[in-house]
PDB file of N, CA and C in Angstrom:
ATOM      1  N   UNK A   1      42.914 214.738 -49.147  1.00  0.00           N
ATOM      2  CA  UNK A   1      43.433 214.147 -49.443  1.00  0.00           C
ATOM      3  C   UNK A   1      43.191 212.379 -48.347  1.00  0.00           C
ATOM      4  N   UNK A   2      43.200 211.540 -49.052  1.00  0.00           N
ATOM      5  CA  UNK A   2      42.520 210.748 -48.107  1.00  0.00           C
ATOM      6  C   UNK A   2      44.417 210.017 -47.276  1.00  0.00           C
ATOM      7  N   UNK A   3      43.879 209.154 -46.193  1.00  0.00           N
ATOM      8  CA  UNK A   3      44.549 208.716 -45.520  1.00  0.00           C
ATOM      9  C   UNK A   3      47.069 207.885 -46.296  1.00  0.00           C
ATOM     10  N   UNK A   4      46.071 207.177 -47.249  1.00  0.00           N
ATOM     11  CA  UNK A   4      47.019 206.239 -47.731  1.00  0.00           C
ATOM     12  C   UNK A   4      47.880 206.757 -49.377  1.00  0.00           C
ATOM     13  N   UNK A   5      47.028 208.425 -49.714  1.00  0.00           N
ATOM     14  CA  UNK A   5      48.007 209.030 -50.576  1.00  0.00           C
ATOM     15  C   UNK A   5      48.676 209.966 -49.981  1.00  0.00           C
ATOM     16  N   UNK A   6      48.510 210.263 -49.022  1.00  0.00           N
ATOM     17  CA  UNK A   6      49.483 210.925 -47.478  1.00  0.00           C
ATOM     18  C   UNK A   6      50.569 210.405 -47.418  1.00  0.00           C
ATOM     19  N   UNK A   7      49.779 208.846 -47.434  1.00  0.00           N
ATOM     20  CA  UNK A   7      51.331 208.334 -46.478  1.00  0.00           C
ATOM     21  C   UNK A   7      52.235 207.779 -48.095  1.00  0.00           C
ATOM     22  N   UNK A   8      51.892 207.646 -48.596  1.00  0.00           N
ATOM     23  CA  UNK A   8      52.278 207.361 -50.123  1.00  0.00           C
ATOM     24  C   UNK A   8      53.538 208.443 -50.487  1.00  0.00           C
ATOM     25  N   UNK A   9      52.102 210.014 -50.352  1.00  0.00           N
ATOM     26  CA  UNK A   9      53.977 210.662 -50.625  1.00  0.00           C
ATOM     27  C   UNK A   9      54.337 211.350 -49.721  1.00  0.00           C
ATOM     28  N   UNK A  10      54.390 210.593 -49.004  1.00  0.00           N
ATOM     29  CA  UNK A  10      55.326 210.972 -47.274  1.00  0.00           C
ATOM     30  C   UNK A  10      56.649 210.180 -47.760  1.00  0.00           C
ATOM     31  N   UNK A  11      56.082 208.854 -48.236  1.00  0.00           N
ATOM     32  CA  UNK A  11      57.353 207.873 -48.590  1.00  0.00           C
ATOM     33  C   UNK A  11      57.947 208.843 -50.232  1.00  0.00           C
ATOM     34  N   UNK A  12      57.415 209.007 -51.147  1.00  0.00           N
ATOM     35  CA  UNK A  12      58.126 209.501 -51.877  1.00  0.00           C
ATOM     36  C   UNK A  12      58.774 211.118 -52.075  1.00  0.00           C
ATOM     37  N   UNK A  13      58.654 211.506 -51.060  1.00  0.00           N
ATOM     38  CA  UNK A  13      59.369 212.563 -50.966  1.00  0.00           C
ATOM     39  C   UNK A  13      60.079 212.176 -49.996  1.00  0.00           C
ATOM     40  N   UNK A  14      60.210 211.695 -48.986  1.00  0.00           N
ATOM     41  CA  UNK A  14      61.385 210.832 -47.923  1.00  0.00           C
ATOM     42  C   UNK A  14      62.498 210.181 -48.928  1.00  0.00           C
ATOM     43  N   UNK A  15      62.195 209.419 -50.455  1.00  0.00           N
ATOM     44  CA  UNK A  15      62.511 208.465 -50.654  1.00  0.00           C
ATOM     45  C   UNK A  15      64.011 209.994 -51.717  1.00  0.00           C
ATOM     46  N   UNK A  16      62.921 210.548 -52.469  1.00  0.00           N
ATOM     47  CA  UNK A  16      63.607 212.559 -52.784  1.00  0.00           C
ATOM     48  C   UNK A  16      64.486 212.959 -52.332  1.00  0.00           C
ATOM     49  N   UNK A  17      64.345 212.778 -51.416  1.00  0.00           N
ATOM     50  CA  UNK A  17      65.023 214.070 -50.117  1.00  0.00           C
ATOM     51  C   UNK A  17      66.860 212.994 -49.800  1.00  0.00           C
ATOM     52  N   UNK A  18      65.866 212.030 -49.583  1.00  0.00           N
ATOM     53  CA  UNK A  18      67.351 211.046 -49.265  1.00  0.00           C
ATOM     54  C   UNK A  18      68.696 210.860 -50.485  1.00  0.00           C
ATOM     55  N   UNK A  19      67.657 210.096 -51.517  1.00  0.00           N
ATOM     56  CA  UNK A  19      68.646 210.690 -52.571  1.00  0.00           C
ATOM     57  C   UNK A  19      70.051 211.289 -53.000  1.00  0.00           C
ATOM     58  N   UNK A  20      70.607 211.508 -53.589  1.00  0.00           N
ATOM     59  CA  UNK A  20      72.118 212.188 -53.548  1.00  0.00           C
ATOM     60  C   UNK A  20      71.635 212.917 -54.336  1.00  0.00           C
ATOM     61  N   UNK A  21      72.017 214.492 -54.009  1.00  0.00           N
ATOM     62  CA  UNK A  21      71.219 215.378 -54.684  1.00  0.00           C
ATOM     63  C   UNK A  21      71.998 215.536 -55.877  1.00  0.00           C
ATOM     64  N   UNK A  22      73.572 214.923 -56.104  1.00  0.00           N
ATOM     65  CA  UNK A  22      73.799 215.103 -57.660  1.00  0.00           C
ATOM     66  C   UNK A  22      73.256 214.655 -57.907  1.00  0.00           C
ATOM     67  N   UNK A  23      72.338 213.305 -58.026  1.00  0.00           N
ATOM     68  CA  UNK A  23      71.392 212.455 -59.129  1.00  0.00           C
ATOM     69  C   UNK A  23      70.654 212.630 -59.316  1.00  0.00           C
ATOM     70  N   UNK A  24      69.907 213.130 -58.554  1.00  0.00           N
ATOM     71  CA  UNK A  24      68.312 214.214 -58.754  1.00  0.00           C
ATOM     72  C   UNK A  24      68.721 215.018 -59.721  1.00  0.00           C
ATOM     73  N   UNK A  25      69.925 216.273 -59.378  1.00  0.00           N
ATOM     74  CA  UNK A  25      70.343 217.372 -60.542  1.00  0.00           C
ATOM     75  C   UNK A  25      69.998 216.386 -61.903  1.00  0.00           C
ATOM     76  N   UNK A  26      71.903 215.570 -61.707  1.00  0.00           N
ATOM     77  CA  UNK A  26      70.815 214.723 -63.424  1.00  0.00           C
ATOM     78  C   UNK A  26      70.140 214.164 -63.238  1.00  0.00           C
ATOM     79  N   UNK A  27      68.888 213.651 -62.976  1.00  0.00           N
ATOM     80  CA  UNK A  27      67.883 213.080 -63.334  1.00  0.00           C
ATOM     81  C   UNK A  27      67.059 214.577 -64.091  1.00  0.00           C
ATOM     82  N   UNK A  28      66.678 215.777 -63.572  1.00  0.00           N
ATOM     83  CA  UNK A  28      65.588 216.653 -63.789  1.00  0.00           C
ATOM     84  C   UNK A  28      66.654 217.396 -65.078  1.00  0.00           C
ATOM     85  N   UNK A  29      67.708 217.111 -65.151  1.00  0.00           N
ATOM     86  CA  UNK A  29      68.081 218.149 -66.807  1.00  0.00           C
ATOM     87  C   UNK A  29      68.000 217.244 -66.887  1.00  0.00           C
ATOM     88  N   UNK A  30      68.588 215.792 -67.179  1.00  0.00           N
ATOM     89  CA  UNK A  30      68.355 214.283 -68.930  1.00  0.00           C
ATOM     90  C   UNK A  30      66.395 214.661 -69.445  1.00  0.00           C
ATOM     91  N   UNK A  31      65.413 214.936 -67.786  1.00  0.00           N
ATOM     92  CA  UNK A  31      64.074 215.332 -68.230  1.00  0.00           C
ATOM     93  C   UNK A  31      63.949 216.477 -68.795  1.00  0.00           C
ATOM     94  N   UNK A  32      64.433 218.126 -68.780  1.00  0.00           N
ATOM     95  CA  UNK A  32      64.241 218.949 -69.064  1.00  0.00           C
ATOM     96  C   UNK A  32      64.517 218.548 -70.395  1.00  0.00           C
ATOM     97  N   UNK A  33      66.245 218.487 -71.197  1.00  0.00           N
ATOM     98  CA  UNK A  33      66.732 218.344 -72.141  1.00  0.00           C
ATOM     99  C   UNK A  33      65.487 217.524 -73.352  1.00  0.00           C
ATOM    100  N   UNK A  34      64.548 216.770 -72.793  1.00  0.00           N
ATOM    101  CA  UNK A  34      64.016 215.588 -73.499  1.00  0.00           C
ATOM    102  C   UNK A  34      62.592 216.547 -73.775  1.00  0.00           C
ATOM    103  N   UNK A  35      62.253 217.093 -72.270  1.00  0.00           N
ATOM    104  CA  UNK A  35      60.830 218.175 -72.757  1.00  0.00           C
ATOM    105  C   UNK A  35      60.927 219.266 -73.788  1.00  0.00           C
ATOM    106  N   UNK A  36      61.896 220.064 -73.687  1.00  0.00           N
ATOM    107  CA  UNK A  36      62.414 221.054 -74.351  1.00  0.00           C
ATOM    108  C   UNK A  36      63.106 220.509 -75.964  1.00  0.00           C
ATOM    109  N   UNK A  37      63.039 219.720 -76.386  1.00  0.00           N
ATOM    110  CA  UNK A  37      63.356 218.926 -77.329  1.00  0.00           C
ATOM    111  C   UNK A  37      62.489 218.851 -78.181  1.00  0.00           C
ATOM    112  N   UNK A  38      61.426 218.423 -76.893  1.00  0.00           N
ATOM    113  CA  UNK A  38      59.857 217.794 -77.790  1.00  0.00           C
ATOM    114  C   UNK A  38      58.892 218.644 -77.319  1.00  0.00           C
ATOM    115  N   UNK A  39      59.126 219.716 -77.284  1.00  0.00           N
ATOM    116  CA  UNK A  39      58.081 219.938 -76.525  1.00  0.00           C
ATOM    117  C   UNK A  39      57.130 220.692 -75.778  1.00  0.00           C
ATOM    118  N   UNK A  40      57.974 220.058 -74.697  1.00  0.00           N
ATOM    119  CA  UNK A  40      56.844 220.194 -73.335  1.00  0.00           C
ATOM    120  C   UNK A  40      56.696 218.650 -73.055  1.00  0.00           C
ATOM    121  N   UNK A  41      56.848 217.301 -73.847  1.00  0.00           N
ATOM    122  CA  UNK A  41      56.270 216.031 -73.779  1.00  0.00           C
ATOM    123  C   UNK A  41      58.404 215.902 -73.533  1.00  0.00           C
ATOM    124  N   UNK A  42      57.457 214.859 -72.476  1.00  0.00           N
ATOM    125  CA  UNK A  42      58.686 213.469 -71.506  1.00  0.00           C
ATOM    126  C   UNK A  42      58.198 212.604 -71.823  1.00  0.00           C
ATOM    127  N   UNK A  43      59.167 211.982 -72.721  1.00  0.00           N
ATOM    128  CA  UNK A  43      59.171 210.546 -73.304  1.00  0.00           C
ATOM    129  C   UNK A  43      60.115 210.046 -72.459  1.00  0.00           C
ATOM    130  N   UNK A  44      59.859 209.066 -71.275  1.00  0.00           N
ATOM    131  CA  UNK A  44      60.466 208.237 -70.279  1.00  0.00           C
ATOM    132  C   UNK A  44      61.650 207.541 -71.307  1.00  0.00           C
ATOM    133  N   UNK A  45      61.647 206.711 -72.236  1.00  0.00           N
ATOM    134  CA  UNK A  45      62.602 206.021 -73.298  1.00  0.00           C
ATOM    135  C   UNK A  45      64.230 206.904 -73.593  1.00  0.00           C
ATOM    136  N   UNK A  46      63.365 208.149 -73.806  1.00  0.00           N
ATOM    137  CA  UNK A  46      64.422 209.622 -74.439  1.00  0.00           C
ATOM    138  C   UNK A  46      65.579 210.025 -73.122  1.00  0.00           C
ATOM    139  N   UNK A  47      64.421 209.775 -72.307  1.00  0.00           N
ATOM    140  CA  UNK A  47      65.523 210.740 -71.163  1.00  0.00           C
ATOM    141  C   UNK A  47      66.389 208.852 -70.300  1.00  0.00           C
ATOM    142  N   UNK A  48      65.709 207.891 -70.096  1.00  0.00           N
ATOM    143  CA  UNK A  48      66.733 207.552 -70.173  1.00  0.00           C
ATOM    144  C   UNK A  48      67.389 206.649 -70.734  1.00  0.00           C
ATOM    145  N   UNK A  49      67.742 206.838 -71.925  1.00  0.00           N
ATOM    146  CA  UNK A  49      68.981 207.590 -72.840  1.00  0.00           C
ATOM    147  C   UNK A  49      69.901 208.165 -72.652  1.00  0.00           C
ATOM    148  N   UNK A  50      69.527 209.471 -72.228  1.00  0.00           N
ATOM    149  CA  UNK A  50      69.836 210.388 -71.286  1.00  0.00           C
ATOM    150  C   UNK A  50      71.082 210.489 -70.388  1.00  0.00           C
ATOM    151  N   UNK A  51      70.538 209.564 -69.681  1.00  0.00           N
ATOM    152  CA  UNK A  51      71.183 208.400 -68.162  1.00  0.00           C
ATOM    153  C   UNK A  51      72.089 207.909 -68.428  1.00  0.00           C
ATOM    154  N   UNK A  52      71.926 207.369 -69.820  1.00  0.00           N
ATOM    155  CA  UNK A  52      72.691 205.546 -70.059  1.00  0.00           C
ATOM    156  C   UNK A  52      74.211 206.325 -70.347  1.00  0.00           C
ATOM    157  N   UNK A  53      75.152 204.724 -70.459  1.00  0.00           N
ATOM    158  CA  UNK A  53      76.671 205.208 -71.372  1.00  0.00           C
ATOM    159  C   UNK A  53      76.524 203.330 -70.908  1.00  0.00           C
ATOM    160  N   UNK A  54      77.301 203.404 -71.604  1.00  0.00           N
ATOM    161  CA  UNK A  54      78.934 201.838 -72.038  1.00  0.00           C
ATOM    162  C   UNK A  54      77.742 200.882 -71.111  1.00  0.00           C
ATOM    163  N   UNK A  55      77.556 201.370 -69.080  1.00  0.00           N
ATOM    164  CA  UNK A  55      77.233 199.963 -68.932  1.00  0.00           C
ATOM    165  C   UNK A  55      75.444 199.617 -68.608  1.00  0.00           C
ATOM    166  N   UNK A  56      74.636 200.420 -69.072  1.00  0.00           N
ATOM    167  CA  UNK A  56      73.891 200.712 -67.915  1.00  0.00           C
ATOM    168  C   UNK A  56      73.301 202.465 -68.175  1.00  0.00           C
ATOM    169  N   UNK A  57      71.931 201.913 -67.631  1.00  0.00           N
ATOM    170  CA  UNK A  57      71.269 203.166 -66.684  1.00  0.00           C
ATOM    171  C   UNK A  57      72.106 203.725 -65.832  1.00  0.00           C
ATOM    172  N   UNK A  58      72.206 204.916 -65.330  1.00  0.00           N
ATOM    173  CA  UNK A  58      74.081 205.813 -64.801  1.00  0.00           C
ATOM    174  C   UNK A  58      73.134 206.361 -63.619  1.00  0.00           C
ATOM    175  N   UNK A  59      71.843 205.738 -63.170  1.00  0.00           N
ATOM    176  CA  UNK A  59      71.244 206.144 -62.099  1.00  0.00           C
ATOM    177  C   UNK A  59      70.474 204.774 -61.629  1.00  0.00           C
ATOM    178  N   UNK A  60      70.344 204.846 -60.510  1.00  0.00           N
ATOM    179  CA  UNK A  60      68.792 203.688 -59.370  1.00  0.00           C
ATOM    180  C   UNK A  60      67.960 203.681 -60.503  1.00  0.00           C
ATOM    181  N   UNK A  61      67.478 202.867 -61.151  1.00  0.00           N
ATOM    182  CA  UNK A  61      66.098 202.329 -61.324  1.00  0.00           C
ATOM    183  C   UNK A  61      64.695 203.141 -60.397  1.00  0.00           C
ATOM    184  N   UNK A  62      64.838 202.932 -59.519  1.00  0.00           N
ATOM    185  CA  UNK A  62      63.526 203.063 -58.426  1.00  0.00           C
ATOM    186  C   UNK A  62      63.489 204.216 -58.233  1.00  0.00           C
ATOM    187  N   UNK A  63      65.232 205.525 -58.232  1.00  0.00           N
ATOM    188  CA  UNK A  63      65.666 206.419 -58.417  1.00  0.00           C
ATOM    189  C   UNK A  63      64.706 207.458 -59.212  1.00  0.00           C
ATOM    190  N   UNK A  64      65.189 207.165 -60.798  1.00  0.00           N
ATOM    191  CA  UNK A  64      63.983 207.776 -61.169  1.00  0.00           C
ATOM    192  C   UNK A  64      63.044 207.345 -61.452  1.00  0.00           C
ATOM    193  N   UNK A  65      62.257 206.504 -61.056  1.00  0.00           N
ATOM    194  CA  UNK A  65      60.744 206.009 -61.091  1.00  0.00           C
ATOM    195  C   UNK A  65      60.433 207.138 -59.823  1.00  0.00           C
ATOM    196  N   UNK A  66      61.154 207.045 -58.829  1.00  0.00           N
ATOM    197  CA  UNK A  66      60.308 207.808 -57.652  1.00  0.00           C
ATOM    198  C   UNK A  66      60.573 209.232 -57.965  1.00  0.00           C
ATOM    199  N   UNK A  67      61.745 209.896 -58.932  1.00  0.00           N
ATOM    200  CA  UNK A  67      61.813 211.035 -59.501  1.00  0.00           C
ATOM    201  C   UNK A  67      59.933 211.410 -60.506  1.00  0.00           C
ATOM    202  N   UNK A  68      59.711 210.568 -61.158  1.00  0.00           N
ATOM    203  CA  UNK A  68      58.258 211.079 -61.564  1.00  0.00           C
ATOM    204  C   UNK A  68      57.374 211.484 -61.067  1.00  0.00           C
ATOM    205  N   UNK A  69      57.429 210.183 -59.694  1.00  0.00           N
ATOM    206  CA  UNK A  69      55.757 209.945 -59.154  1.00  0.00           C
ATOM    207  C   UNK A  69      55.949 211.445 -57.843  1.00  0.00           C
ATOM    208  N   UNK A  70      57.198 212.239 -57.977  1.00  0.00           N
ATOM    209  CA  UNK A  70      57.347 213.507 -57.360  1.00  0.00           C
ATOM    210  C   UNK A  70      57.270 214.225 -57.567  1.00  0.00           C
ATOM    211  N   UNK A  71      57.654 214.655 -59.069  1.00  0.00           N
ATOM    212  CA  UNK A  71      56.828 215.431 -59.850  1.00  0.00           C
ATOM    213  C   UNK A  71      55.753 215.306 -60.029  1.00  0.00           C
ATOM    214  N   UNK A  72      55.365 214.538 -60.578  1.00  0.00           N
ATOM    215  CA  UNK A  72      53.665 214.458 -60.788  1.00  0.00           C
ATOM    216  C   UNK A  72      52.691 214.860 -59.658  1.00  0.00           C
ATOM    217  N   UNK A  73      53.398 214.536 -58.499  1.00  0.00           N
ATOM    218  CA  UNK A  73      51.974 214.978 -57.071  1.00  0.00           C
ATOM    219  C   UNK A  73      53.289 216.511 -56.465  1.00  0.00           C
ATOM    220  N   UNK A  74      53.985 217.419 -56.893  1.00  0.00           N
ATOM    221  CA  UNK A  74      53.996 218.089 -56.773  1.00  0.00           C
ATOM    222  C   UNK A  74      53.850 219.495 -58.318  1.00  0.00           C
ATOM    223  N   UNK A  75      53.221 218.695 -59.433  1.00  0.00           N
ATOM    224  CA  UNK A  75      51.881 219.122 -60.415  1.00  0.00           C
ATOM    225  C   UNK A  75      53.171 220.090 -61.410  1.00  0.00           C
ATOM    226  N   UNK A  76      54.828 219.169 -61.653  1.00  0.00           N
ATOM    227  CA  UNK A  76      55.517 219.477 -62.161  1.00  0.00           C
ATOM    228  C   UNK A  76      54.931 219.481 -63.457  1.00  0.00           C
ATOM    229  N   UNK A  77      54.556 217.998 -63.790  1.00  0.00           N
ATOM    230  CA  UNK A  77      54.347 217.066 -64.917  1.00  0.00           C
ATOM    231  C   UNK A  77      53.015 216.449 -64.767  1.00  0.00           C
ATOM    232  N   UNK A  78      52.513 216.175 -65.583  1.00  0.00           N
ATOM    233  CA  UNK A  78      51.039 215.150 -65.758  1.00  0.00           C
ATOM    234  C   UNK A  78      51.386 214.200 -66.838  1.00  0.00           C
ATOM    235  N   UNK A  79      50.472 213.368 -66.917  1.00  0.00           N
ATOM    236  CA  UNK A  79      50.236 211.879 -67.898  1.00  0.00           C
ATOM    237  C   UNK A  79      49.595 212.695 -69.158  1.00  0.00           C
ATOM    238  N   UNK A  80      50.208 211.949 -69.826  1.00  0.00           N
ATOM    239  CA  UNK A  80      49.781 212.779 -71.368  1.00  0.00           C
ATOM    240  C   UNK A  80      49.449 211.391 -72.702  1.00  0.00           C
ATOM    241  N   UNK A  81      49.324 210.137 -72.109  1.00  0.00           N
ATOM    242  CA  UNK A  81      48.967 208.953 -72.715  1.00  0.00           C
ATOM    243  C   UNK A  81      50.189 208.094 -72.292  1.00  0.00           C
ATOM    244  N   UNK A  82      49.839 207.210 -72.937  1.00  0.00           N
ATOM    245  CA  UNK A  82      50.968 206.274 -72.838  1.00  0.00           C
ATOM    246  C   UNK A  82      51.869 206.104 -74.350  1.00  0.00           C
ATOM    247  N   UNK A  83      53.024 205.277 -74.020  1.00  0.00           N
ATOM    248  CA  UNK A  83      53.619 205.209 -75.122  1.00  0.00           C
ATOM    249  C   UNK A  83      54.247 203.342 -75.221  1.00  0.00           C
ATOM    250  N   UNK A  84      55.178 203.018 -75.741  1.00  0.00           N
ATOM    251  CA  UNK A  84      55.841 201.619 -75.972  1.00  0.00           C
ATOM    252  C   UNK A  84      57.069 201.507 -74.824  1.00  0.00           C
ATOM    253  N   UNK A  85      57.401 201.237 -74.178  1.00  0.00           N
ATOM    254  CA  UNK A  85      58.742 200.765 -73.321  1.00  0.00           C
ATOM    255  C   UNK A  85      59.596 200.381 -74.545  1.00  0.00           C
ATOM    256  N   UNK A  86      61.400 200.365 -74.214  1.00  0.00           N
ATOM    257  CA  UNK A  86      61.850 200.734 -75.519  1.00  0.00           C
ATOM    258  C   UNK A  86      63.186 199.715 -75.152  1.00  0.00           C
ATOM    259  N   UNK A  87      62.865 199.791 -73.289  1.00  0.00           N
ATOM    260  CA  UNK A  87      64.099 199.081 -72.917  1.00  0.00           C
ATOM    261  C   UNK A  87      64.432 198.059 -73.013  1.00  0.00           C
ATOM    262  N   UNK A  88      65.638 197.246 -73.473  1.00  0.00           N
ATOM    263  CA  UNK A  88      65.846 195.818 -74.284  1.00  0.00           C
ATOM    264  C   UNK A  88      66.430 195.591 -72.966  1.00  0.00           C
ATOM    265  N   UNK A  89      66.807 195.757 -71.748  1.00  0.00           N
ATOM    266  CA  UNK A  89      68.141 195.581 -70.809  1.00  0.00           C
ATOM    267  C   UNK A  89      67.175 194.672 -69.692  1.00  0.00           C
ATOM    268  N   UNK A  90      65.125 195.598 -69.263  1.00  0.00           N
ATOM    269  CA  UNK A  90      64.842 195.502 -68.073  1.00  0.00           C
ATOM    270  C   UNK A  90      63.963 194.762 -69.130  1.00  0.00           C
ATOM    271  N   UNK A  91      62.758 194.080 -67.952  1.00  0.00           N
ATOM    272  CA  UNK A  91      62.521 193.123 -68.792  1.00  0.00           C
ATOM    273  C   UNK A  91      60.321 193.889 -68.905  1.00  0.00           C
ATOM    274  N   UNK A  92      60.321 195.369 -69.123  1.00  0.00           N
ATOM    275  CA  UNK A  92      59.456 195.855 -69.435  1.00  0.00           C
ATOM    276  C   UNK A  92      59.173 196.134 -71.050  1.00  0.00           C
ATOM    277  N   UNK A  93      60.848 195.759 -71.477  1.00  0.00           N
ATOM    278  CA  UNK A  93      60.205 196.036 -73.245  1.00  0.00           C
ATOM    279  C   UNK A  93      59.032 195.626 -73.741  1.00  0.00           C
ATOM    280  N   UNK A  94      58.420 196.174 -74.519  1.00  0.00           N
ATOM    281  CA  UNK A  94      57.496 196.548 -74.992  1.00  0.00           C
ATOM    282  C   UNK A  94      55.878 196.512 -74.757  1.00  0.00           C
ATOM    283  N   UNK A  95      56.172 196.663 -73.063  1.00  0.00           N
ATOM    284  CA  UNK A  95      54.734 197.052 -72.474  1.00  0.00           C
ATOM    285  C   UNK A  95      54.856 198.567 -72.209  1.00  0.00           C
ATOM    286  N   UNK A  96      53.810 199.320 -72.232  1.00  0.00           N
ATOM    287  CA  UNK A  96      53.374 200.001 -73.064  1.00  0.00           C
ATOM    288  C   UNK A  96      53.423 201.041 -70.921  1.00  0.00           C
ATOM    289  N   UNK A  97      53.755 202.122 -71.439  1.00  0.00           N
ATOM    290  CA  UNK A  97      54.145 203.270 -70.128  1.00  0.00           C
ATOM    291  C   UNK A  97      53.769 204.626 -69.894  1.00  0.00           C
ATOM    292  N   UNK A  98      54.320 205.005 -69.430  1.00  0.00           N
ATOM    293  CA  UNK A  98      53.361 206.406 -69.817  1.00  0.00           C
ATOM    294  C   UNK A  98      54.227 207.230 -70.430  1.00  0.00           C
ATOM    295  N   UNK A  99      53.448 208.924 -71.529  1.00  0.00           N
ATOM    296  CA  UNK A  99      54.225 209.499 -71.279  1.00  0.00           C
ATOM    297  C   UNK A  99      53.645 210.902 -70.325  1.00  0.00           C
ATOM    298  N   UNK A 100      54.595 212.216 -70.533  1.00  0.00           N
ATOM    299  CA  UNK A 100      54.131 213.002 -69.244  1.00  0.00           C
ATOM    300  C   UNK A 100      54.472 214.330 -70.315  1.00  0.00           C
ATOM    301  N   UNK A 101      53.199 215.397 -69.666  1.00  0.00           N
ATOM    302  CA  UNK A 101      53.749 216.640 -70.227  1.00  0.00           C
ATOM    303  C   UNK A 101      54.656 217.421 -68.815  1.00  0.00           C
ATOM    304  N   UNK A 102      54.920 218.311 -69.938  1.00  0.00           N
ATOM    305  CA  UNK A 102      55.480 219.218 -68.331  1.00  0.00           C
ATOM    306  C   UNK A 102      54.462 220.409 -68.565  1.00  0.00           C
ATOM    307  N   UNK A 103      54.423 220.617 -67.377  1.00  0.00           N
ATOM    308  CA  UNK A 103      52.959 221.982 -67.104  1.00  0.00           C
ATOM    309  C   UNK A 103      53.170 222.574 -65.678  1.00  0.00           C
ATOM    310  N   UNK A 104      54.748 223.274 -65.768  1.00  0.00           N
ATOM    311  CA  UNK A 104      55.270 223.456 -64.983  1.00  0.00           C
ATOM    312  C   UNK A 104      56.353 224.106 -65.678  1.00  0.00           C
ATOM    313  N   UNK A 105      55.774 225.790 -66.275  1.00  0.00           N
ATOM    314  CA  UNK A 105      57.175 226.285 -67.536  1.00  0.00           C
ATOM    315  C   UNK A 105      58.836 226.870 -66.706  1.00  0.00           C
ATOM    316  N   UNK A 106      57.848 227.328 -65.135  1.00  0.00           N
ATOM    317  CA  UNK A 106      59.306 227.259 -64.128  1.00  0.00           C
ATOM    318  C   UNK A 106      60.224 226.530 -64.463  1.00  0.00           C
ATOM    319  N   UNK A 107      59.459 225.576 -63.733  1.00  0.00           N
ATOM    320  CA  UNK A 107      60.228 224.159 -63.395  1.00  0.00           C
ATOM    321  C   UNK A 107      60.993 223.758 -64.769  1.00  0.00           C
ATOM    322  N   UNK A 108      60.664 223.885 -65.944  1.00  0.00           N
ATOM    323  CA  UNK A 108      61.156 223.968 -67.216  1.00  0.00           C
ATOM    324  C   UNK A 108      62.251 224.167 -67.443  1.00  0.00           C
ATOM    325  N   UNK A 109      62.210 225.758 -67.708  1.00  0.00           N
ATOM    326  CA  UNK A 109      62.864 226.759 -67.702  1.00  0.00           C
ATOM    327  C   UNK A 109      64.229 226.739 -66.465  1.00  0.00           C
ATOM    328  N   UNK A 110      64.734 226.332 -65.781  1.00  0.00           N
ATOM    329  CA  UNK A 110      65.360 226.101 -64.736  1.00  0.00           C
ATOM    330  C   UNK A 110      66.291 226.333 -65.590  1.00  0.00           C
ATOM    331  N   UNK A 111      67.652 226.523 -65.116  1.00  0.00           N
ATOM    332  CA  UNK A 111      68.833 226.340 -65.876  1.00  0.00           C
ATOM    333  C   UNK A 111      69.735 225.246 -65.574  1.00  0.00           C
ATOM    334  N   UNK A 112      70.512 224.245 -66.219  1.00  0.00           N
ATOM    335  CA  UNK A 112      71.299 223.426 -65.486  1.00  0.00           C
ATOM    336  C   UNK A 112      72.235 223.757 -64.295  1.00  0.00           C
ATOM    337  N   UNK A 113      71.990 223.367 -63.380  1.00  0.00           N
ATOM    338  CA  UNK A 113      72.894 223.526 -62.369  1.00  0.00           C
ATOM    339  C   UNK A 113      72.179 224.978 -61.423  1.00  0.00           C
ATOM    340  N   UNK A 114      71.377 224.934 -61.716  1.00  0.00           N
ATOM    341  CA  UNK A 114      70.355 225.823 -60.592  1.00  0.00           C
ATOM    342  C   UNK A 114      69.753 225.452 -59.728  1.00  0.00           C
ATOM    343  N   UNK A 115      68.887 225.813 -58.383  1.00  0.00           N
ATOM    344  CA  UNK A 115      68.166 225.032 -57.323  1.00  0.00           C
ATOM    345  C   UNK A 115      66.841 225.296 -57.766  1.00  0.00           C
ATOM    346  N   UNK A 116      65.887 224.435 -58.339  1.00  0.00           N
ATOM    347  CA  UNK A 116      64.729 224.825 -58.168  1.00  0.00           C
ATOM    348  C   UNK A 116      64.116 226.251 -57.060  1.00  0.00           C
TER     349      UNK A 116
END
């Protein structure tokens, strides 16, 4: 592992550890619901829909992004191609973004409320 990659992974881990535990649980539960419905594929558009309310996204978008990075670095998910961002509230609508596939079945099968 390169020093830069190691530092980046340490920062991602620190952000995830410092994030409110309830937000992490909500994000993971939303990700699992989407992946279970879509044969193990994780569409970030659908995850955002799961985490939105009448006021918009109910979690900090930076936390959501950090969670994807954390799950990738811990080999829970992997990139499976690209899709188009449908987030009309942000500036990224119409841009390509990653589609993921869950590769850790144990994580996918955790019941909501359980700890991994």
